[in-house]
N, C-alpha and C. Protein backbone atom coordinates (compact mmCIF):
# COMPACT_ATOMS: atom_id res chain seq x y z
N MET A 1 8.93 -17.59 1.76
CA MET A 1 8.28 -17.48 3.83
C MET A 1 7.01 -18.11 3.54
N THR A 2 6.71 -18.38 2.99
CA THR A 2 5.20 -19.16 3.19
C THR A 2 5.08 -20.05 4.73
N GLN A 3 5.73 -20.67 4.97
CA GLN A 3 5.98 -21.41 6.28
C GLN A 3 6.83 -20.55 7.56
N LEU A 4 6.89 -19.10 7.04
CA LEU A 4 7.28 -17.78 7.98
C LEU A 4 6.43 -17.43 9.73
N LYS A 5 5.74 -18.26 10.71
CA LYS A 5 5.19 -18.01 11.39
C LYS A 5 5.21 -16.43 12.48
N ARG A 6 5.76 -16.11 12.89
CA ARG A 6 6.44 -15.14 13.63
C ARG A 6 6.84 -14.26 12.97
N LEU A 7 6.20 -12.51 12.90
CA LEU A 7 7.69 -11.34 11.98
C LEU A 7 7.46 -10.83 12.89
N ASP A 8 8.75 -9.95 13.06
CA ASP A 8 8.93 -8.51 13.65
C ASP A 8 9.58 -7.54 13.19
N ILE A 9 8.67 -6.45 12.59
CA ILE A 9 9.69 -5.63 11.77
C ILE A 9 9.17 -4.22 12.93
N SER A 10 9.26 -4.57 14.14
CA SER A 10 9.13 -3.35 14.47
C SER A 10 10.76 -2.71 14.99
N ASN A 11 10.33 -0.72 15.57
CA ASN A 11 11.00 -0.19 15.57
C ASN A 11 11.88 0.52 14.18
N ASN A 12 11.43 -0.14 13.43
CA ASN A 12 12.04 1.01 11.82
C ASN A 12 11.12 2.48 11.62
N ALA A 13 11.33 2.67 10.38
CA ALA A 13 10.85 3.38 9.47
C ALA A 13 9.93 3.32 8.49
N ILE A 14 9.99 2.34 8.73
CA ILE A 14 8.96 1.48 8.05
C ILE A 14 7.59 2.04 7.30
N ARG A 15 7.18 2.52 5.60
CA ARG A 15 6.12 3.25 5.56
C ARG A 15 5.20 2.16 4.87
N GLU A 16 5.23 0.96 4.45
CA GLU A 16 3.52 0.89 4.33
C GLU A 16 4.90 -0.69 4.37
N ILE A 17 2.92 -1.65 3.94
CA ILE A 17 3.54 -3.21 4.20
C ILE A 17 3.75 -3.76 2.71
N PRO A 18 4.29 -4.53 2.17
CA PRO A 18 3.89 -5.39 1.18
C PRO A 18 3.20 -5.44 0.30
N ARG A 19 2.41 -5.24 -0.61
CA ARG A 19 1.24 -5.60 -1.41
C ARG A 19 1.04 -7.31 -1.20
N ASN A 20 1.96 -7.72 -1.64
CA ASN A 20 1.82 -9.12 -0.97
C ASN A 20 1.34 -9.95 0.41
N ILE A 21 1.72 -9.50 1.17
CA ILE A 21 1.82 -10.14 2.56
C ILE A 21 1.22 -11.11 2.46
N GLY A 22 0.28 -10.85 2.23
CA GLY A 22 -0.69 -12.24 2.35
C GLY A 22 -0.60 -13.49 1.87
N GLU A 23 1.08 -13.73 1.34
CA GLU A 23 0.90 -15.08 1.19
C GLU A 23 1.77 -15.05 2.41
N LEU A 24 2.27 -14.44 2.70
CA LEU A 24 2.83 -15.55 4.62
C LEU A 24 1.12 -16.18 5.06
N ARG A 25 0.25 -17.20 4.94
CA ARG A 25 -0.43 -17.68 4.99
C ARG A 25 -0.39 -18.00 6.40
N SER A 26 0.94 -18.60 6.81
CA SER A 26 1.17 -19.48 8.43
C SER A 26 1.77 -18.56 9.90
N LEU A 27 1.09 -17.26 9.28
CA LEU A 27 2.04 -16.23 9.84
C LEU A 27 0.72 -16.36 11.04
N VAL A 28 1.56 -16.50 12.13
CA VAL A 28 0.51 -16.50 14.10
C VAL A 28 0.86 -15.08 14.51
N SER A 29 2.26 -14.47 14.15
CA SER A 29 1.91 -13.36 14.53
C SER A 29 2.85 -12.50 14.44
N LEU A 30 2.61 -11.14 14.28
CA LEU A 30 3.15 -9.95 13.31
C LEU A 30 3.21 -8.38 14.23
N ASN A 31 4.21 -8.46 14.69
CA ASN A 31 4.81 -7.04 15.43
C ASN A 31 5.36 -6.18 14.37
N ALA A 32 4.54 -5.07 14.09
CA ALA A 32 5.74 -4.06 13.47
C ALA A 32 4.48 -2.62 14.22
N TYR A 33 4.90 -2.71 15.14
CA TYR A 33 5.02 -1.33 16.28
C TYR A 33 5.70 -0.13 15.99
N ASN A 34 5.56 0.95 16.64
CA ASN A 34 6.90 2.04 16.18
C ASN A 34 7.08 1.79 14.44
N ASN A 35 6.33 2.67 13.91
CA ASN A 35 6.77 2.89 12.59
C ASN A 35 6.22 3.86 11.87
N GLN A 36 5.78 3.91 10.13
CA GLN A 36 5.13 5.08 10.13
C GLN A 36 4.36 4.97 9.15
N ILE A 37 3.61 3.72 8.84
CA ILE A 37 3.16 2.49 8.17
C ILE A 37 1.03 3.30 8.42
N CYS A 38 0.77 3.67 7.09
CA CYS A 38 -0.39 4.56 7.11
C CYS A 38 -1.57 3.35 6.11
N TYR A 39 -1.64 2.31 5.26
CA TYR A 39 -1.96 1.17 4.96
C TYR A 39 -2.03 0.34 4.88
N LEU A 40 -2.61 -0.47 5.12
CA LEU A 40 -3.10 -1.73 5.00
C LEU A 40 -3.32 -2.53 3.74
N PRO A 41 -2.32 -3.36 2.83
CA PRO A 41 -2.52 -3.58 1.47
C PRO A 41 -4.20 -4.68 1.68
N PRO A 42 -5.07 -4.44 0.77
CA PRO A 42 -6.20 -5.81 1.06
C PRO A 42 -5.66 -6.74 1.13
N SER A 43 -4.35 -7.82 0.58
CA SER A 43 -3.74 -8.55 0.62
C SER A 43 -3.39 -9.27 2.05
N PHE A 44 -3.91 -8.37 3.35
CA PHE A 44 -3.56 -8.41 4.64
C PHE A 44 -4.81 -8.86 5.49
N LEU A 45 -5.87 -8.89 5.01
CA LEU A 45 -7.21 -10.06 4.69
C LEU A 45 -6.89 -11.23 4.81
N CYS A 46 -5.61 -11.65 3.70
CA CYS A 46 -5.78 -13.02 3.56
C CYS A 46 -4.92 -14.16 4.94
N LEU A 47 -4.27 -13.42 5.81
CA LEU A 47 -3.96 -14.01 7.24
C LEU A 47 -5.08 -14.57 8.23
N HIS A 48 -5.18 -15.86 7.21
CA HIS A 48 -6.73 -16.13 8.39
C HIS A 48 -6.17 -16.85 9.45
N ASP A 49 -4.72 -17.12 8.98
CA ASP A 49 -4.15 -17.60 10.72
C ASP A 49 -3.69 -16.78 11.77
N LEU A 50 -3.72 -15.67 11.68
CA LEU A 50 -3.05 -14.56 12.29
C LEU A 50 -3.59 -14.45 14.13
N GLN A 51 -2.45 -14.52 14.62
CA GLN A 51 -4.08 -14.54 15.95
C GLN A 51 -3.21 -13.16 16.75
N GLN A 52 -1.89 -12.81 16.93
CA GLN A 52 -1.72 -11.91 17.54
C GLN A 52 -1.17 -10.39 16.44
N LEU A 53 -1.11 -9.61 17.24
CA LEU A 53 -1.19 -8.46 16.15
C LEU A 53 -1.05 -6.82 17.20
N ASN A 54 0.43 -6.27 16.87
CA ASN A 54 0.91 -5.63 17.22
C ASN A 54 0.97 -3.94 15.96
N PHE A 55 -0.09 -2.81 15.78
CA PHE A 55 0.89 -1.91 15.13
C PHE A 55 0.44 -0.48 14.94
N SER A 56 0.97 -0.91 16.94
CA SER A 56 0.74 0.76 17.86
C SER A 56 1.86 1.24 17.73
N GLY A 57 1.43 2.56 17.06
CA GLY A 57 2.44 3.63 17.15
C GLY A 57 2.86 4.00 15.65
N ASN A 58 1.92 3.71 14.97
CA ASN A 58 1.96 3.93 13.39
C ASN A 58 1.20 5.32 12.68
N ASN A 59 0.97 5.28 11.61
CA ASN A 59 0.50 6.35 11.22
C ASN A 59 -1.20 5.73 10.91
N LEU A 60 -1.90 4.74 10.99
CA LEU A 60 -2.95 4.72 10.58
C LEU A 60 -4.04 5.60 10.39
N THR A 61 -4.97 5.52 9.42
CA THR A 61 -6.05 6.68 10.24
C THR A 61 -7.28 5.60 9.86
N ASP A 62 -7.30 4.86 8.97
CA ASP A 62 -8.63 4.02 9.10
C ASP A 62 -8.15 2.10 8.83
N LEU A 63 -8.85 1.74 9.20
CA LEU A 63 -8.57 0.04 9.38
C LEU A 63 -9.49 -0.99 7.84
N PRO A 64 -9.57 -1.48 7.15
CA PRO A 64 -9.94 -2.30 6.02
C PRO A 64 -11.22 -3.10 6.65
N ARG A 65 -11.92 -3.17 6.11
CA ARG A 65 -13.86 -3.11 6.36
C ARG A 65 -13.88 -4.50 6.51
N GLY A 66 -13.11 -5.29 6.18
CA GLY A 66 -12.85 -6.71 5.51
C GLY A 66 -12.25 -7.13 6.95
N ILE A 67 -11.77 -6.43 7.96
CA ILE A 67 -10.49 -6.81 9.51
C ILE A 67 -11.91 -7.97 10.03
N HIS A 68 -12.92 -8.18 9.69
CA HIS A 68 -13.18 -9.77 10.73
C HIS A 68 -13.18 -10.45 10.17
N ASN A 69 -12.19 -11.15 8.77
CA ASN A 69 -11.38 -12.23 7.86
C ASN A 69 -10.36 -12.37 8.34
N LEU A 70 -10.44 -11.72 9.80
CA LEU A 70 -8.99 -12.47 10.01
C LEU A 70 -9.52 -13.71 12.01
N PHE A 71 -10.32 -14.09 11.44
CA PHE A 71 -10.82 -14.39 12.64
C PHE A 71 -10.08 -15.74 13.55
N SER A 72 -9.08 -15.14 13.31
CA SER A 72 -8.38 -16.21 14.39
C SER A 72 -7.54 -15.68 15.46
N LEU A 73 -7.46 -13.67 15.16
CA LEU A 73 -7.07 -12.86 15.93
C LEU A 73 -7.60 -13.59 17.46
N LYS A 74 -6.43 -12.91 18.58
CA LYS A 74 -6.73 -12.86 19.72
C LYS A 74 -6.56 -11.53 20.86
N GLU A 75 -4.79 -11.12 20.38
CA GLU A 75 -4.22 -9.92 20.31
C GLU A 75 -4.27 -9.25 19.24
N ILE A 76 -4.93 -8.01 19.40
CA ILE A 76 -4.54 -6.34 18.50
C ILE A 76 -4.59 -5.60 19.65
N ASN A 77 -3.42 -4.67 18.84
CA ASN A 77 -3.31 -3.56 19.20
C ASN A 77 -2.77 -1.92 18.37
N PHE A 78 -3.77 -1.21 18.29
CA PHE A 78 -3.86 0.02 17.12
C PHE A 78 -3.66 1.15 17.96
N ASP A 79 -3.14 0.91 19.42
CA ASP A 79 -2.66 2.06 20.02
C ASP A 79 -1.81 3.06 19.15
N ASP A 80 -1.88 4.43 19.65
CA ASP A 80 -0.81 5.41 19.25
C ASP A 80 -1.17 5.87 17.69
N ASN A 81 -2.44 5.75 17.22
CA ASN A 81 -2.14 6.05 15.54
C ASN A 81 -3.29 6.95 15.38
N THR A 82 -3.87 7.84 14.67
CA THR A 82 -4.82 8.47 14.13
C THR A 82 -5.82 8.43 14.10
N LEU A 83 -5.90 7.21 14.39
CA LEU A 83 -7.30 6.53 13.81
C LEU A 83 -8.26 6.76 13.73
N LEU A 84 -8.80 7.32 12.73
CA LEU A 84 -10.43 8.10 11.88
C LEU A 84 -11.21 7.30 11.90
N ARG A 85 -11.51 6.02 11.27
CA ARG A 85 -12.35 4.70 10.94
C ARG A 85 -11.89 3.22 11.14
N PRO A 86 -12.01 3.26 12.24
CA PRO A 86 -13.08 3.48 13.66
C PRO A 86 -12.81 4.18 14.43
N PRO A 87 -12.82 5.15 15.29
CA PRO A 87 -12.18 6.18 15.77
C PRO A 87 -10.92 5.26 17.17
N MET A 88 -10.50 5.90 17.91
CA MET A 88 -9.96 5.41 18.30
C MET A 88 -10.41 5.09 20.01
N GLU A 89 -11.41 5.53 20.06
CA GLU A 89 -12.27 5.12 21.53
C GLU A 89 -12.90 3.89 20.73
N ILE A 90 -12.92 3.20 19.78
CA ILE A 90 -13.86 1.66 19.24
C ILE A 90 -12.59 0.83 19.44
N CYS A 91 -11.09 1.26 19.57
CA CYS A 91 -9.79 0.34 19.39
C CYS A 91 -9.28 0.09 20.91
N LYS A 92 -9.44 1.22 21.44
CA LYS A 92 -9.12 1.10 22.86
C LYS A 92 -9.24 -0.92 23.73
N GLY A 93 -10.33 -0.52 23.20
CA GLY A 93 -11.04 -2.35 24.04
C GLY A 93 -10.36 -2.86 23.26
N LYS A 94 -9.86 -3.06 22.38
CA LYS A 94 -8.32 -4.38 21.35
C LYS A 94 -9.84 -5.56 21.14
N GLN A 95 -10.84 -5.15 21.30
CA GLN A 95 -11.97 -6.60 21.10
C GLN A 95 -12.09 -6.39 19.37
N LEU A 96 -11.59 -7.73 18.43
CA LEU A 96 -12.29 -7.37 16.95
C LEU A 96 -13.50 -7.86 17.01
N TYR A 97 -14.23 -8.05 17.47
CA TYR A 97 -15.69 -8.40 17.48
C TYR A 97 -16.28 -6.29 16.76
N THR A 98 -16.12 -6.00 18.41
CA THR A 98 -16.52 -4.97 18.09
C THR A 98 -15.84 -3.47 17.17
N ILE A 99 -14.24 -3.79 16.33
CA ILE A 99 -13.81 -2.78 15.77
C ILE A 99 -14.57 -3.26 14.06
N ALA A 100 -14.68 -4.36 14.49
CA ALA A 100 -15.67 -4.88 12.51
C ALA A 100 -16.62 -5.13 12.96
N HIS A 101 -17.85 -4.74 14.10
CA HIS A 101 -18.86 -4.24 14.04
C HIS A 101 -19.33 -2.71 13.94
N TYR A 102 -18.55 -2.16 13.74
CA TYR A 102 -18.12 -0.58 13.52
C TYR A 102 -18.19 0.02 12.39
N LEU A 103 -16.94 -1.15 11.34
CA LEU A 103 -17.03 -0.67 10.24
C LEU A 103 -17.91 -1.30 9.38
N GLU A 104 -18.83 -2.10 9.62
CA GLU A 104 -19.62 -2.53 9.33
C GLU A 104 -21.34 -1.78 9.48
N ARG A 105 -21.11 -1.11 10.14
CA ARG A 105 -22.38 0.05 10.52
C ARG A 105 -22.31 1.30 9.74
N ALA A 106 -20.73 1.26 10.26
CA ALA A 106 -20.17 2.07 8.85
C ALA A 106 -20.47 2.43 7.48
N ASP A 107 -19.43 1.27 7.22
CA ASP A 107 -20.53 1.03 5.50
C ASP A 107 -21.28 1.29 5.16
N GLN A 108 -22.30 0.75 6.08
CA GLN A 108 -23.97 0.69 5.66
C GLN A 108 -24.31 2.32 5.41
N ARG A 109 -24.02 3.11 6.74
CA ARG A 109 -23.91 4.17 6.84
C ARG A 109 -23.49 5.12 5.29
N ASP A 110 -22.79 4.68 5.10
CA ASP A 110 -21.66 5.16 3.92
C ASP A 110 -22.45 5.54 2.73
N GLU A 111 -22.79 3.41 2.04
CA GLU A 111 -23.87 3.39 1.06
C GLU A 111 -25.42 4.23 1.22
N LYS A 112 -25.30 4.10 2.25
CA LYS A 112 -26.69 5.22 1.93
C LYS A 112 -26.49 6.27 1.53
N ILE A 113 -26.06 6.97 2.21
CA ILE A 113 -25.51 8.43 1.60
C ILE A 113 -24.75 8.22 0.23
N LEU A 114 -24.53 7.56 -0.21
CA LEU A 114 -23.85 7.54 -1.30
C LEU A 114 -25.01 7.34 -2.70
N GLU A 115 -25.99 6.67 -1.86
CA GLU A 115 -27.09 6.31 -2.76
C GLU A 115 -28.13 7.92 -2.66
N LYS A 116 -28.12 8.59 -1.78
CA LYS A 116 -28.14 10.23 -1.66
C LYS A 116 -27.98 10.85 -2.16
N ILE A 117 -26.62 10.87 -2.34
CA ILE A 117 -25.84 11.92 -3.23
C ILE A 117 -25.71 11.62 -4.94
N PHE A 118 -25.80 9.88 -5.58
CA PHE A 118 -26.10 9.78 -6.54
C PHE A 118 -27.64 10.29 -7.24
N ASN A 119 -29.00 10.21 -6.15
CA ASN A 119 -30.22 10.84 -6.81
C ASN A 119 -29.76 12.29 -6.24
N ILE A 120 -29.28 12.99 -5.59
CA ILE A 120 -29.19 14.35 -5.81
C ILE A 120 -28.75 15.29 -7.05
N VAL A 121 -27.44 14.05 -7.58
CA VAL A 121 -26.92 14.67 -8.94
C VAL A 121 -28.32 14.63 -9.67
N ALA A 122 -28.22 13.00 -9.92
CA ALA A 122 -29.21 12.72 -11.27
C ALA A 122 -30.04 13.82 -11.60
N LYS A 123 -30.84 13.86 -10.28
CA LYS A 123 -32.34 14.77 -10.16
C LYS A 123 -31.92 16.37 -10.58
N ASN A 124 -30.32 16.73 -10.13
CA ASN A 124 -30.26 18.79 -10.88
C ASN A 124 -28.91 18.83 -12.07
N ILE A 125 -28.30 17.90 -12.14
CA ILE A 125 -27.13 17.81 -13.55
C ILE A 125 -27.94 17.87 -14.42
N THR A 126 -27.49 19.02 -15.16
CA THR A 126 -27.76 19.29 -16.87
C THR A 126 -26.75 18.11 -17.53
N GLY A 127 -27.42 18.25 -18.75
CA GLY A 127 -27.04 17.62 -19.84
C GLY A 127 -25.64 17.36 -19.86
N THR A 128 -24.97 19.03 -20.16
CA THR A 128 -23.82 19.39 -20.73
C THR A 128 -22.76 18.61 -19.48
N ASN A 129 -23.76 19.28 -17.97
CA ASN A 129 -22.55 18.79 -16.66
C ASN A 129 -21.83 17.35 -16.35
N PHE A 130 -23.01 16.86 -16.98
CA PHE A 130 -23.13 15.42 -17.18
C PHE A 130 -22.02 14.65 -17.73
N LYS A 131 -21.73 15.54 -19.19
CA LYS A 131 -20.76 15.07 -19.95
C LYS A 131 -18.99 14.98 -19.39
N PHE A 132 -19.13 16.32 -18.90
CA PHE A 132 -18.20 16.93 -18.50
C PHE A 132 -17.65 15.83 -17.13
N LEU A 133 -18.77 15.00 -15.85
CA LEU A 133 -18.62 14.01 -15.03
C LEU A 133 -18.10 13.25 -15.77
N CYS A 134 -18.30 13.08 -16.41
CA CYS A 134 -17.71 11.51 -17.37
C CYS A 134 -16.45 11.41 -17.60
N GLN A 135 -16.39 12.30 -18.05
CA GLN A 135 -14.65 12.95 -18.09
C GLN A 135 -14.25 12.57 -17.28
N LYS A 136 -14.67 13.38 -15.91
CA LYS A 136 -13.73 13.53 -14.52
C LYS A 136 -13.34 11.94 -13.85
N LEU A 137 -14.42 11.24 -14.13
CA LEU A 137 -14.45 10.35 -13.65
C LEU A 137 -13.65 8.64 -14.66
N SER A 138 -13.59 9.40 -15.69
CA SER A 138 -12.92 8.79 -16.56
C SER A 138 -13.62 7.79 -16.76
N LEU A 139 -15.38 7.53 -16.82
CA LEU A 139 -15.95 6.87 -16.79
C LEU A 139 -16.88 7.01 -18.49
N ALA A 140 -16.62 6.10 -19.40
CA ALA A 140 -16.79 5.67 -20.78
C ALA A 140 -18.64 6.37 -20.83
N ILE A 141 -19.21 7.14 -21.72
CA ILE A 141 -20.77 7.73 -21.95
C ILE A 141 -21.01 5.54 -23.07
N SER A 142 -21.91 5.76 -22.86
CA SER A 142 -22.62 4.58 -23.55
C SER A 142 -23.68 4.66 -24.33
N GLU A 143 -24.02 4.31 -25.36
CA GLU A 143 -25.38 4.51 -25.77
C GLU A 143 -26.28 4.87 -25.57
N THR A 144 -26.51 4.52 -24.25
CA THR A 144 -28.05 4.59 -23.77
C THR A 144 -27.73 5.49 -22.70
N ASP A 145 -26.55 6.54 -22.83
CA ASP A 145 -26.35 7.03 -21.36
C ASP A 145 -26.79 8.54 -22.83
N MET A 146 -27.07 8.56 -23.93
CA MET A 146 -26.75 10.15 -25.03
C MET A 146 -28.51 9.75 -24.96
N PRO A 147 -28.76 11.36 -24.77
CA PRO A 147 -30.25 11.56 -25.52
C PRO A 147 -31.13 11.28 -26.20
N THR A 148 -29.82 10.93 -28.00
CA THR A 148 -30.49 10.83 -28.54
C THR A 148 -30.34 9.39 -29.04
N LYS A 149 -30.34 8.87 -28.45
CA LYS A 149 -29.93 7.17 -28.33
C LYS A 149 -31.11 6.15 -27.51
N SER A 150 -31.81 6.89 -26.68
CA SER A 150 -32.43 6.28 -25.39
C SER A 150 -33.92 7.80 -24.99
N THR A 151 -34.54 6.92 -25.22
CA THR A 151 -36.03 7.77 -25.17
C THR A 151 -36.10 7.67 -23.09
N ILE A 152 -35.11 7.26 -22.03
CA ILE A 152 -35.23 7.10 -20.72
C ILE A 152 -34.79 8.71 -20.55
N SER A 153 -35.09 9.25 -19.38
CA SER A 153 -34.72 10.68 -18.52
C SER A 153 -33.03 10.52 -18.49
N LEU A 154 -32.78 11.84 -18.23
CA LEU A 154 -31.81 12.48 -18.20
C LEU A 154 -31.12 11.49 -16.78
N SER A 155 -32.27 11.72 -16.14
CA SER A 155 -31.83 11.31 -14.54
C SER A 155 -32.06 9.73 -14.39
N GLU A 156 -32.32 9.59 -14.92
CA GLU A 156 -32.22 8.04 -15.24
C GLU A 156 -30.99 7.21 -15.47
N ARG A 157 -30.76 8.22 -16.81
CA ARG A 157 -29.40 7.80 -17.50
C ARG A 157 -28.17 8.33 -16.80
N VAL A 158 -28.43 9.50 -15.84
CA VAL A 158 -27.22 9.98 -14.77
C VAL A 158 -26.65 8.85 -13.25
N HIS A 159 -28.05 8.21 -13.42
CA HIS A 159 -28.72 7.34 -11.99
C HIS A 159 -27.49 5.89 -12.62
N GLN A 160 -27.59 5.22 -13.95
CA GLN A 160 -27.43 4.45 -14.27
C GLN A 160 -25.78 4.49 -14.84
N ALA A 161 -25.39 5.66 -15.15
CA ALA A 161 -24.03 5.57 -15.78
C ALA A 161 -22.85 5.63 -13.64
N LEU A 162 -24.16 6.34 -13.02
CA LEU A 162 -23.44 6.18 -11.74
C LEU A 162 -23.07 5.01 -11.05
N ASN A 163 -23.68 3.85 -11.69
CA ASN A 163 -24.14 2.58 -10.76
C ASN A 163 -22.49 2.06 -11.04
N ARG A 164 -22.75 2.38 -13.16
CA ARG A 164 -21.82 1.49 -13.50
C ARG A 164 -20.68 2.09 -12.55
N TRP A 165 -20.09 3.32 -12.66
CA TRP A 165 -18.58 4.00 -12.19
C TRP A 165 -18.88 3.03 -11.04
N LYS A 166 -19.73 2.84 -10.35
CA LYS A 166 -19.38 2.39 -8.66
C LYS A 166 -19.16 1.42 -8.76
N THR A 167 -19.94 0.23 -9.67
CA THR A 167 -19.77 -0.73 -10.25
C THR A 167 -17.65 -1.76 -10.33
N GLU A 168 -17.27 -0.19 -11.45
CA GLU A 168 -16.16 -0.67 -11.89
C GLU A 168 -15.14 -0.33 -10.91
N SER A 169 -15.41 0.69 -10.35
CA SER A 169 -15.07 1.32 -8.73
C SER A 169 -14.10 0.35 -7.57
N ASN A 170 -15.74 -0.45 -7.60
CA ASN A 170 -15.38 -1.53 -6.46
C ASN A 170 -14.36 -3.14 -7.13
N ASN A 171 -14.56 -2.81 -8.09
CA ASN A 171 -13.64 -3.78 -8.64
C ASN A 171 -12.41 -3.39 -8.85
N LEU A 172 -11.36 -2.46 -8.25
CA LEU A 172 -9.98 -1.63 -7.91
C LEU A 172 -10.19 -1.27 -5.91
N SER A 173 -11.29 -2.40 -5.42
CA SER A 173 -11.36 -2.17 -3.99
C SER A 173 -11.15 -1.35 -3.17
N LEU A 174 -11.98 0.25 -3.98
CA LEU A 174 -12.25 1.89 -3.99
C LEU A 174 -13.52 1.27 -2.37
N THR A 175 -13.12 1.99 -0.95
CA THR A 175 -14.63 2.22 -0.64
C THR A 175 -15.23 2.49 -0.29
N THR A 176 -16.84 2.83 -0.04
CA THR A 176 -17.39 3.55 -0.72
C THR A 176 -17.40 5.30 -0.01
N ALA A 177 -16.62 5.15 1.02
CA ALA A 177 -15.89 7.00 1.54
C ALA A 177 -14.69 7.32 0.24
N ALA A 178 -14.43 6.95 -0.33
CA ALA A 178 -13.12 7.36 -1.29
C ALA A 178 -13.92 7.39 -1.93
N LEU A 179 -14.88 6.67 -2.69
CA LEU A 179 -15.54 7.25 -4.02
C LEU A 179 -16.70 8.49 -3.62
N THR A 180 -16.87 8.35 -2.54
CA THR A 180 -17.81 9.72 -2.15
C THR A 180 -16.82 11.01 -2.23
N ASP A 181 -15.89 10.73 -2.06
CA ASP A 181 -14.54 11.97 -2.53
C ASP A 181 -14.71 11.83 -3.53
N GLN A 182 -14.14 11.28 -4.10
CA GLN A 182 -13.62 11.65 -5.35
C GLN A 182 -14.93 11.90 -6.65
N LEU A 183 -16.04 11.42 -6.57
CA LEU A 183 -17.51 12.10 -6.74
C LEU A 183 -17.40 13.45 -6.40
N THR A 184 -17.73 13.98 -5.16
CA THR A 184 -17.54 15.14 -4.72
C THR A 184 -16.60 15.84 -5.54
N ARG A 185 -15.11 15.77 -5.29
CA ARG A 185 -14.39 16.27 -5.80
C ARG A 185 -14.23 16.37 -7.63
N ALA A 186 -15.35 15.60 -8.08
CA ALA A 186 -15.31 15.61 -9.65
C ALA A 186 -16.43 16.89 -10.30
N LEU A 187 -17.34 16.52 -9.20
CA LEU A 187 -18.35 17.96 -9.49
C LEU A 187 -17.86 19.22 -8.67
N MET A 188 -17.29 19.32 -7.57
CA MET A 188 -16.41 20.72 -8.01
C MET A 188 -15.56 21.12 -8.95
N MET A 189 -14.92 20.39 -9.70
CA MET A 189 -14.33 20.48 -10.83
C MET A 189 -14.84 20.80 -12.03
N ILE A 190 -16.04 20.27 -12.01
CA ILE A 190 -17.20 21.25 -13.22
C ILE A 190 -17.66 22.40 -12.74
N GLY A 191 -17.53 22.76 -11.75
CA GLY A 191 -18.33 23.48 -11.14
C GLY A 191 -19.54 23.69 -10.71
N ALA A 192 -20.25 22.55 -10.23
CA ALA A 192 -22.07 22.17 -9.99
C ALA A 192 -21.76 22.48 -9.00
N TYR A 193 -21.45 23.66 -8.58
CA TYR A 193 -22.10 23.81 -7.26
C TYR A 193 -22.91 23.78 -6.74
N GLU A 194 -24.20 24.02 -7.76
CA GLU A 194 -25.25 24.14 -6.32
C GLU A 194 -25.51 22.20 -5.87
N ILE A 195 -24.61 21.95 -7.03
CA ILE A 195 -25.12 20.10 -6.31
C ILE A 195 -24.28 20.10 -5.11
N MET A 196 -23.42 20.40 -5.26
CA MET A 196 -22.17 20.67 -3.86
C MET A 196 -22.77 21.50 -3.18
N ASP A 197 -23.99 22.65 -3.26
CA ASP A 197 -24.42 22.97 -1.84
C ASP A 197 -25.30 21.93 -1.26
N LYS A 198 -26.30 21.27 -1.91
CA LYS A 198 -27.47 20.03 -1.62
C LYS A 198 -26.31 18.33 -0.92
N ILE A 199 -25.39 18.48 -1.68
CA ILE A 199 -23.96 17.45 -1.08
C ILE A 199 -24.39 17.86 0.46
N THR A 200 -23.58 18.74 0.65
CA THR A 200 -22.88 19.99 1.59
C THR A 200 -24.16 19.79 3.14
N ALA A 201 -25.15 20.10 2.83
CA ALA A 201 -26.24 19.72 3.69
C ALA A 201 -26.53 18.35 3.95
N LEU A 202 -26.37 17.35 2.93
CA LEU A 202 -26.32 16.12 3.57
C LEU A 202 -25.87 15.95 4.51
N LYS A 203 -24.33 16.04 3.85
CA LYS A 203 -23.78 15.27 4.99
C LYS A 203 -23.43 16.19 6.68
N VAL A 204 -24.11 17.24 6.53
CA VAL A 204 -24.66 17.88 7.51
C VAL A 204 -25.17 17.09 8.78
N PHE A 205 -25.92 17.26 7.52
CA PHE A 205 -27.58 16.55 8.29
C PHE A 205 -26.89 15.07 8.72
N THR A 206 -26.28 14.80 7.99
CA THR A 206 -25.74 12.75 8.41
C THR A 206 -25.06 12.78 9.37
N ARG A 207 -24.03 13.54 9.84
CA ARG A 207 -23.01 14.37 11.40
C ARG A 207 -24.05 14.00 12.28
N ALA A 208 -25.20 14.63 12.28
CA ALA A 208 -25.48 14.72 13.62
C ALA A 208 -26.70 13.14 13.79
N ILE A 209 -26.20 12.54 12.82
CA ILE A 209 -26.86 10.92 13.38
C ILE A 209 -26.52 10.21 13.92
N LYS A 210 -26.88 10.00 14.94
CA LYS A 210 -25.83 8.47 14.93
C LYS A 210 -26.27 7.13 14.77
N PHE A 211 -25.06 6.33 14.88
CA PHE A 211 -25.57 4.68 14.31
C PHE A 211 -24.63 3.63 15.22
């Protein structure tokens, strides 16, 4: 159906968009209002000819950070969703530029927060907890991470490992916010409560900063 230009799947109980929807490269209009859709797959951002989009009345909580790639969009509607990223007040104006700009700034902020969390972990984690953390993150410990194989400090080894984990996770298209949640869950699982207290204090502080 690569030549399909208009698609209307509104008023159904659809829960998800097919992962290969990006193959409908000729799509100009997509109406999917009044469904139960909660996620837009990465290939959705390949619909470069899309001009009209209506996802009102669904269960979306966030929009993909690359939504600016849909540069042909003229009409958009995300009303009546439970959007948190960006919040609904940003989407009410139905302006792609406003939405894309918010997401770009939010990504920049999340990147800075994640880097600060890496620093907190690197400066405060013990060697034993570091090994446990790597296990929880499914991160293989390289020779340079081992104290017997390297002269660099534990803090530096932790930072290198976390950056490697971040790179591997980005290859899976995980957002920075998702990485932060995954890391904090892993820290809770290994009982690194002092580190979690510092991260919580950081998050409380950053919530008070407008951007």
